[in-house]
Amino acid sequence: MLKKYNPFVRGSYPVGVKSDCYTDETRGVVLNVEIWYPAAEKYAGMDLDPKTKDVYQEVWLVEGMDEESTASQDAVRDADAAQGKYPLVILAHGWAGHRRESTFIGTHLASYGYVVISADFPVGTFGEVDAFFTKQETIHDYNALEKHVTAIGESRFRDIPFLIDTVIEKERNIDIEAGIGITGASYGGWTSFMAPSIDQRVIASVPMCPGIRSDFKYESGPLNVMPEIDFSKYSEDTKTLILCADRDCIIPLQVQLENLKRLENEYRMVIMFRADHNHFVDDIDDVGQVWLKDFLVRLANIFPDPEMNLKLMAERCCRPGQLVDGNTAKEVWRGLILAHMDRVLKRNADASDFIRGDIDAATETIGAHTYTISK
């Protein structure tokens, strides 16, 4: 039982959420954003009440769902903000993702006094990837797939600084002096690795199942076309916590381990047993993992190139019953992300002791099994 510092339970702030639209006039790019933040005390409990918490249209649809299907998040739409200034954390979605794919992270951090922003990043949202796939169903152009995957990263090199500058300008409750954190899964994991290399305001990074260019020979997939990251550009203050799944069907664990040698700053990697690539999103069991399987089958059918071997990804994708319970996974991930942000951005000594202590014993108290590697 965790007594002194327990990042796995929800924080004391009620949580508000709002949407906005940021336009980068220099590129003609529009970012639709979701912002979670500590809300005024009068909203206490309303963020957890099904009658008053936010409901929105579901993006990822699986069998039994339709375009009218909805999802909810533990936050009150357009709630008044609590007084004070709070550290900023960016939450980056993956390939074919969307800004609300991991609300369990945004709401958890906000309940502890963070402002969290997530954007629909250009080229890589579900709608844009779906349209690209539809076009390729009769073409099967592998070169087009490579260009598509590369373009997502190239855009994010400019998306991240623009997002930071704009949210700081528009939102008055951000503690700029604390430094900035970033987290995200898959291509959002790559983005979390990349951000500190181009913007030294970002000093706390939590890549989740990150895709990254590597010398390792992948069995399948277009991952080696992702843009290079210059890790030597990290600020000396930057600290990284990597969260991985041992059964990742897209980015195998051996690839994640291979990438550790590229990190020059302090890092920790936490590997969850019986977890897959989509164990970092909302509604893992009923939607996330099922959607991932369907997505990979479609990808393999559109691009049947034997050298790509995308079929192998689809075959390795586990069904929910084969994996750790989704709610347990979410509890672990959001708690570890919070602890890392508390340690780096809030200089919290208890959080530092937690991260530098026995993480695996802590995750075991909530029913998960992990293995931690540190430098």
Protein backbone atom coordinates (compact mmCIF):
# COMPACT_ATOMS: atom_id res chain seq x y z
CA MET A 1 0.00 0.00 0.00
CA LEU A 2 1.44 3.35 -1.03
CA LYS A 3 1.21 5.93 1.74
CA LYS A 4 3.69 8.78 1.36
CA TYR A 5 3.20 9.41 -2.36
CA ASN A 6 0.53 7.68 -4.43
CA PRO A 7 0.26 8.95 -8.03
CA PHE A 8 -2.22 6.27 -9.03
CA VAL A 9 -5.26 7.80 -7.29
CA ARG A 10 -7.07 10.82 -8.71
CA GLY A 11 -5.97 14.26 -7.53
CA SER A 12 -7.91 16.82 -5.50
CA TYR A 13 -8.77 19.29 -8.29
CA PRO A 14 -12.02 18.94 -10.23
CA VAL A 15 -11.18 18.93 -13.94
CA GLY A 16 -12.39 21.20 -16.71
CA VAL A 17 -12.01 20.70 -20.45
CA LYS A 18 -12.39 23.02 -23.41
CA SER A 19 -11.72 22.94 -27.14
CA ASP A 20 -10.08 25.57 -29.29
CA CYS A 21 -8.74 26.05 -32.80
CA TYR A 22 -5.18 27.30 -33.43
CA THR A 23 -4.28 28.55 -36.92
CA ASP A 24 -0.67 28.75 -38.06
CA GLU A 25 -0.95 31.45 -40.70
CA THR A 26 2.60 30.90 -41.96
CA ARG A 27 1.80 27.33 -43.02
CA GLY A 28 -1.93 27.50 -43.49
CA VAL A 29 -2.29 24.76 -40.87
CA VAL A 30 -5.16 24.46 -38.38
CA LEU A 31 -4.80 22.56 -35.10
CA ASN A 32 -7.98 21.62 -33.27
CA VAL A 33 -7.01 21.30 -29.63
CA GLU A 34 -8.37 19.90 -26.37
CA ILE A 35 -7.25 21.51 -23.11
CA TRP A 36 -7.68 19.98 -19.65
CA TYR A 37 -7.11 22.15 -16.59
CA PRO A 38 -7.81 22.42 -12.84
CA ALA A 39 -11.36 23.70 -12.42
CA ALA A 40 -12.93 25.81 -9.69
CA GLU A 41 -13.96 24.03 -6.49
CA LYS A 42 -17.68 24.45 -7.26
CA TYR A 43 -17.31 21.69 -9.89
CA ALA A 44 -16.12 19.10 -7.36
CA GLY A 45 -17.63 15.72 -8.21
CA MET A 46 -19.26 16.93 -11.40
CA ASP A 47 -16.29 15.74 -13.47
CA LEU A 48 -16.97 12.16 -12.37
CA ASP A 49 -20.77 12.24 -12.50
CA PRO A 50 -22.16 10.64 -15.70
CA LYS A 51 -24.89 13.30 -15.71
CA THR A 52 -22.49 16.26 -15.82
CA LYS A 53 -19.18 15.08 -17.26
CA ASP A 54 -18.32 15.72 -20.90
CA VAL A 55 -19.67 13.54 -23.71
CA TYR A 56 -18.33 13.67 -27.27
CA GLN A 57 -18.62 11.76 -30.53
CA GLU A 58 -16.51 8.62 -30.74
CA VAL A 59 -13.79 8.60 -33.43
CA TRP A 60 -12.62 5.00 -33.52
CA LEU A 61 -15.55 2.76 -34.44
CA VAL A 62 -15.65 -1.04 -34.17
CA GLU A 63 -18.34 -3.63 -34.80
CA GLY A 64 -21.55 -2.74 -32.97
CA MET A 65 -20.88 1.01 -33.08
CA ASP A 66 -22.07 3.65 -35.53
CA GLU A 67 -21.40 7.30 -36.33
CA GLU A 68 -23.73 8.36 -33.52
CA SER A 69 -21.72 6.47 -30.88
CA THR A 70 -20.40 8.62 -28.04
CA ALA A 71 -17.70 8.47 -25.40
CA SER A 72 -17.22 10.42 -22.18
CA GLN A 73 -14.32 11.90 -20.28
CA ASP A 74 -13.86 12.73 -16.60
CA ALA A 75 -14.07 16.50 -17.00
CA VAL A 76 -16.68 19.26 -17.12
CA ARG A 77 -16.99 21.02 -20.47
CA ASP A 78 -16.04 24.74 -20.30
CA ALA A 79 -15.82 24.81 -16.50
CA ASP A 80 -14.39 27.92 -14.82
CA ALA A 81 -10.68 27.48 -14.16
CA ALA A 82 -9.20 27.35 -10.68
CA GLN A 83 -7.04 30.28 -9.64
CA GLY A 84 -3.29 29.95 -10.02
CA LYS A 85 -0.68 28.93 -12.57
CA TYR A 86 0.20 25.35 -13.45
CA PRO A 87 2.87 23.50 -15.47
CA LEU A 88 2.08 22.68 -19.09
CA VAL A 89 2.08 19.15 -20.52
CA ILE A 90 1.57 18.24 -24.18
CA LEU A 91 -0.30 15.02 -24.99
CA ALA A 92 0.49 13.82 -28.54
CA HIS A 93 -1.62 11.25 -30.39
CA GLY A 94 -0.34 8.43 -32.58
CA TRP A 95 -0.72 7.50 -36.23
CA ALA A 96 -4.41 7.49 -37.17
CA GLY A 97 -5.17 8.91 -33.73
CA HIS A 98 -6.98 11.96 -32.43
CA ARG A 99 -6.75 14.51 -29.65
CA ARG A 100 -9.13 12.63 -27.33
CA GLU A 101 -7.59 9.17 -27.67
CA SER A 102 -6.07 9.29 -24.15
CA THR A 103 -8.33 11.49 -22.03
CA PHE A 104 -7.51 9.29 -19.03
CA ILE A 105 -4.06 10.91 -19.02
CA GLY A 106 -5.18 14.49 -19.59
CA THR A 107 -7.84 14.39 -16.90
CA HIS A 108 -5.56 12.66 -14.38
CA LEU A 109 -2.78 15.22 -14.75
CA ALA A 110 -5.24 18.13 -14.58
CA SER A 111 -6.63 16.75 -11.31
CA TYR A 112 -3.14 17.26 -9.85
CA GLY A 113 -2.65 20.80 -11.07
CA TYR A 114 -1.45 20.63 -14.67
CA VAL A 115 -2.66 22.25 -17.86
CA VAL A 116 -2.65 19.58 -20.57
CA ILE A 117 -3.07 20.27 -24.27
CA SER A 118 -3.67 17.75 -27.05
CA ALA A 119 -3.98 18.61 -30.74
CA ASP A 120 -5.26 16.89 -33.85
CA PHE A 121 -1.88 16.93 -35.57
CA PRO A 122 -1.89 17.40 -39.37
CA VAL A 123 -1.47 14.42 -41.72
CA GLY A 124 -1.67 11.82 -38.94
CA THR A 125 -5.26 12.06 -37.62
CA PHE A 126 -7.64 9.16 -38.10
CA GLY A 127 -9.69 11.03 -40.69
CA GLU A 128 -6.65 11.88 -42.80
CA VAL A 129 -5.16 8.39 -42.56
CA ASP A 130 -8.52 6.83 -43.38
CA ALA A 131 -8.76 9.01 -46.51
CA PHE A 132 -5.21 8.04 -47.49
CA PHE A 133 -6.02 4.34 -47.07
CA THR A 134 -9.19 4.66 -49.13
CA LYS A 135 -7.21 6.22 -51.99
CA GLN A 136 -4.60 3.47 -51.82
CA GLU A 137 -7.06 0.56 -51.85
CA THR A 138 -6.74 0.31 -55.65
CA ILE A 139 -3.16 1.61 -55.97
CA HIS A 140 -1.13 -0.24 -53.29
CA ASP A 141 1.78 2.21 -53.56
CA TYR A 142 4.30 1.41 -50.85
CA ASN A 143 6.35 4.51 -51.70
CA ALA A 144 3.27 6.62 -50.99
CA LEU A 145 3.00 4.95 -47.57
CA GLU A 146 6.61 5.84 -46.79
CA LYS A 147 6.06 9.46 -47.82
CA HIS A 148 2.87 9.61 -45.76
CA VAL A 149 4.57 8.31 -42.59
CA THR A 150 7.54 10.65 -43.06
CA ALA A 151 5.29 13.67 -43.64
CA ILE A 152 3.64 13.22 -40.24
CA GLY A 153 6.96 13.64 -38.45
CA GLU A 154 8.13 16.48 -40.65
CA SER A 155 4.97 18.39 -39.80
CA ARG A 156 5.39 17.81 -36.07
CA PHE A 157 8.82 19.43 -36.06
CA ARG A 158 6.91 22.67 -36.66
CA ASP A 159 3.63 21.76 -34.95
CA ILE A 160 5.16 21.42 -31.47
CA PRO A 161 6.83 24.87 -31.16
CA PHE A 162 3.74 26.50 -32.67
CA LEU A 163 1.48 24.66 -30.22
CA ILE A 164 3.61 25.69 -27.24
CA ASP A 165 3.88 29.34 -28.27
CA THR A 166 0.16 29.61 -28.98
CA VAL A 167 -1.14 27.98 -25.81
CA ILE A 168 1.21 30.09 -23.66
CA GLU A 169 -0.03 33.22 -25.42
CA LYS A 170 -3.73 32.34 -25.10
CA GLU A 171 -3.94 30.63 -21.71
CA ARG A 172 -3.07 32.74 -18.67
CA ASN A 173 -2.89 29.89 -16.14
CA ILE A 174 0.39 28.34 -17.31
CA ASP A 175 3.54 28.39 -15.18
CA ILE A 176 6.12 29.04 -17.89
CA GLU A 177 9.06 28.92 -15.47
CA ALA A 178 8.36 25.30 -14.46
CA GLY A 179 9.40 23.90 -17.83
CA ILE A 180 7.18 21.85 -20.14
CA GLY A 181 6.35 18.15 -20.26
CA ILE A 182 5.27 15.94 -23.14
CA THR A 183 3.86 12.45 -23.46
CA GLY A 184 2.19 10.41 -26.17
CA ALA A 185 1.92 6.93 -27.64
CA SER A 186 3.27 5.43 -30.89
CA TYR A 187 3.92 8.37 -33.25
CA GLY A 188 3.08 10.44 -30.18
CA GLY A 189 5.96 8.58 -28.51
CA TRP A 190 8.26 9.61 -31.36
CA THR A 191 6.96 13.17 -30.89
CA SER A 192 7.77 12.95 -27.17
CA PHE A 193 11.34 11.93 -28.00
CA MET A 194 11.61 14.64 -30.66
CA ALA A 195 10.23 17.66 -28.78
CA PRO A 196 13.15 18.19 -26.33
CA SER A 197 15.57 18.09 -29.28
CA ILE A 198 13.99 21.14 -30.95
CA ASP A 199 12.62 23.11 -27.99
CA GLN A 200 14.61 23.23 -24.76
CA ARG A 201 11.60 24.43 -22.83
CA VAL A 202 10.55 20.76 -22.91
CA ILE A 203 12.41 19.02 -20.08
CA ALA A 204 10.10 16.15 -19.04
CA SER A 205 9.39 13.49 -21.65
CA VAL A 206 7.33 10.29 -21.36
CA PRO A 207 7.31 8.46 -24.72
CA MET A 208 4.88 5.53 -24.75
CA CYS A 209 5.52 2.59 -27.13
CA PRO A 210 7.51 5.07 -29.25
CA GLY A 211 8.20 4.58 -32.91
CA ILE A 212 11.70 5.74 -33.83
CA ARG A 213 14.20 5.27 -36.65
CA SER A 214 16.63 2.53 -35.65
CA ASP A 215 19.53 0.42 -36.92
CA PHE A 216 17.53 -2.62 -35.87
CA LYS A 217 16.11 -4.62 -38.79
CA TYR A 218 12.35 -4.55 -38.31
CA GLU A 219 10.44 -7.69 -39.19
CA SER A 220 7.58 -5.60 -40.50
CA GLY A 221 6.32 -2.07 -40.96
CA PRO A 222 7.43 1.32 -42.29
CA LEU A 223 9.03 2.58 -39.08
CA ASN A 224 12.47 3.29 -40.51
CA VAL A 225 11.09 6.12 -42.62
CA MET A 226 10.33 8.19 -39.54
CA PRO A 227 12.48 11.36 -39.39
CA GLU A 228 15.74 11.29 -37.46
CA ILE A 229 15.95 12.82 -33.98
CA ASP A 230 19.10 14.58 -32.75
CA PHE A 231 19.28 13.49 -29.11
CA SER A 232 22.45 15.54 -28.59
CA LYS A 233 20.24 18.67 -28.65
CA TYR A 234 18.55 17.75 -25.37
CA SER A 235 18.96 20.19 -22.50
CA GLU A 236 21.02 18.76 -19.64
CA ASP A 237 17.88 19.13 -17.49
CA THR A 238 15.81 16.79 -19.68
CA LYS A 239 14.71 13.53 -18.10
CA THR A 240 12.94 10.72 -19.94
CA LEU A 241 10.61 7.96 -18.78
CA ILE A 242 9.80 5.40 -21.50
CA LEU A 243 6.71 3.21 -21.14
CA CYS A 244 6.59 0.02 -23.20
CA ALA A 245 4.53 -3.12 -23.73
CA ASP A 246 6.16 -6.55 -23.87
CA ARG A 247 3.77 -7.81 -26.57
CA ASP A 248 3.83 -4.72 -28.78
CA CYS A 249 2.74 -5.97 -32.20
CA ILE A 250 3.93 -2.88 -34.08
CA ILE A 251 7.17 -1.91 -32.33
CA PRO A 252 8.61 -5.10 -30.79
CA LEU A 253 10.27 -4.86 -27.40
CA GLN A 254 13.71 -5.66 -28.81
CA VAL A 255 13.44 -2.51 -30.92
CA GLN A 256 12.59 -0.43 -27.84
CA LEU A 257 15.60 -1.84 -26.01
CA GLU A 258 17.87 -1.18 -28.99
CA ASN A 259 16.89 2.48 -28.92
CA LEU A 260 18.07 3.01 -25.34
CA LYS A 261 21.67 3.31 -26.48
CA ARG A 262 20.79 6.53 -28.33
CA LEU A 263 19.73 8.38 -25.18
CA GLU A 264 22.50 10.46 -23.62
CA ASN A 265 20.50 11.92 -20.70
CA GLU A 266 19.05 10.15 -17.69
CA TYR A 267 16.24 7.73 -18.54
CA ARG A 268 14.07 4.98 -17.15
CA MET A 269 12.11 2.41 -19.12
CA VAL A 270 9.13 0.60 -17.60
CA ILE A 271 7.94 -2.50 -19.46
CA MET A 272 4.45 -3.81 -18.74
CA PHE A 273 3.91 -7.54 -19.12
CA ARG A 274 0.93 -8.85 -21.13
CA ALA A 275 0.38 -5.46 -22.80
CA ASP A 276 0.16 -4.51 -26.48
CA HIS A 277 0.69 -1.38 -28.57
CA ASN A 278 -2.73 0.14 -27.90
CA HIS A 279 -2.56 -0.21 -24.11
CA PHE A 280 -2.09 3.55 -23.92
CA VAL A 281 -5.54 4.76 -25.02
CA ASP A 282 -9.05 5.12 -23.58
CA ASP A 283 -11.38 2.10 -23.51
CA ILE A 284 -8.56 -0.35 -24.24
CA ASP A 285 -10.57 -3.55 -23.99
CA ASP A 286 -13.80 -2.71 -25.80
CA VAL A 287 -12.54 -0.30 -28.47
CA GLY A 288 -8.79 0.40 -28.51
CA GLN A 289 -7.40 -3.11 -28.97
CA VAL A 290 -10.23 -4.27 -31.24
CA TRP A 291 -9.83 -1.17 -33.42
CA LEU A 292 -6.06 -1.75 -33.64
CA LYS A 293 -6.56 -5.29 -34.91
CA ASP A 294 -9.03 -4.10 -37.57
CA PHE A 295 -6.71 -1.24 -38.54
CA LEU A 296 -3.70 -3.53 -39.02
CA VAL A 297 -5.68 -6.05 -41.07
CA ARG A 298 -6.79 -3.23 -43.36
CA LEU A 299 -3.23 -1.89 -43.58
CA ALA A 300 -1.87 -5.32 -44.54
CA ASN A 301 -4.53 -5.79 -47.22
CA ILE A 302 -3.81 -2.40 -48.80
CA PHE A 303 -0.03 -2.84 -48.75
CA PRO A 304 0.68 -6.57 -49.30
CA ASP A 305 4.38 -6.06 -50.09
CA PRO A 306 6.13 -9.22 -48.71
CA GLU A 307 9.18 -7.23 -47.61
CA MET A 308 6.95 -5.00 -45.48
CA ASN A 309 5.23 -8.05 -44.02
CA LEU A 310 2.46 -5.94 -42.50
CA LYS A 311 0.43 -9.12 -42.18
CA LEU A 312 2.76 -10.13 -39.35
CA MET A 313 1.75 -7.04 -37.35
CA ALA A 314 -1.91 -7.98 -37.67
CA GLU A 315 -1.22 -11.58 -36.68
CA ARG A 316 0.74 -10.54 -33.59
CA CYS A 317 -1.98 -8.16 -32.41
CA CYS A 318 -3.54 -9.77 -29.33
CA ARG A 319 -7.22 -9.86 -28.44
CA PRO A 320 -8.18 -8.17 -25.14
CA GLY A 321 -8.69 -11.46 -23.29
CA GLN A 322 -5.03 -12.34 -23.84
CA LEU A 323 -3.77 -9.17 -22.18
CA VAL A 324 -3.66 -7.32 -18.88
CA ASP A 325 -6.94 -5.64 -17.94
CA GLY A 326 -7.23 -2.27 -19.67
CA ASN A 327 -8.22 -0.35 -16.54
CA THR A 328 -5.18 -1.70 -14.70
CA ALA A 329 -2.92 -0.62 -17.54
CA LYS A 330 -4.40 2.89 -17.56
CA GLU A 331 -3.98 3.20 -13.81
CA VAL A 332 -0.30 2.32 -14.10
CA TRP A 333 0.48 4.55 -17.08
CA ARG A 334 -1.23 7.70 -15.81
CA GLY A 335 0.33 7.26 -12.38
CA LEU A 336 3.85 6.88 -13.75
CA ILE A 337 3.41 9.82 -16.11
CA LEU A 338 2.21 11.97 -13.22
CA ALA A 339 5.13 10.93 -11.01
CA HIS A 340 7.64 11.81 -13.73
CA MET A 341 6.03 15.22 -14.33
CA ASP A 342 5.87 15.90 -10.58
CA ARG A 343 9.53 15.04 -10.23
CA VAL A 344 10.77 17.19 -13.11
CA LEU A 345 8.29 20.06 -13.42
CA LYS A 346 7.26 20.47 -9.78
CA ARG A 347 10.59 19.39 -8.25
CA ASN A 348 8.61 17.16 -5.89
CA ALA A 349 11.01 15.21 -3.66
CA ASP A 350 8.49 12.46 -2.91
CA ALA A 351 7.89 11.95 -6.62
CA SER A 352 11.64 11.78 -7.18
CA ASP A 353 11.97 9.12 -4.49
CA PHE A 354 9.09 7.21 -6.10
CA ILE A 355 10.58 7.27 -9.61
CA ARG A 356 14.07 6.41 -8.36
CA GLY A 357 12.72 3.72 -6.06
CA ASP A 358 11.10 0.34 -6.71
CA ILE A 359 8.59 1.16 -9.44
CA ASP A 360 7.83 -2.50 -10.05
CA ALA A 361 6.80 -3.05 -6.43
CA ALA A 362 4.53 -0.01 -6.66
CA THR A 363 2.78 -1.22 -9.82
CA GLU A 364 2.31 -4.64 -8.27
CA THR A 365 0.14 -3.07 -5.54
CA ILE A 366 -2.48 -2.30 -8.20
CA GLY A 367 -2.29 -5.67 -9.94
CA ALA A 368 0.22 -5.02 -12.73
CA HIS A 369 3.56 -6.63 -13.46
CA THR A 370 6.36 -4.43 -14.79
CA TYR A 371 10.12 -4.47 -15.21
CA THR A 372 12.17 -1.27 -14.96
CA ILE A 373 15.49 -0.43 -16.61
CA SER A 374 17.35 2.75 -15.62
CA LYS A 375 20.41 4.80 -16.46
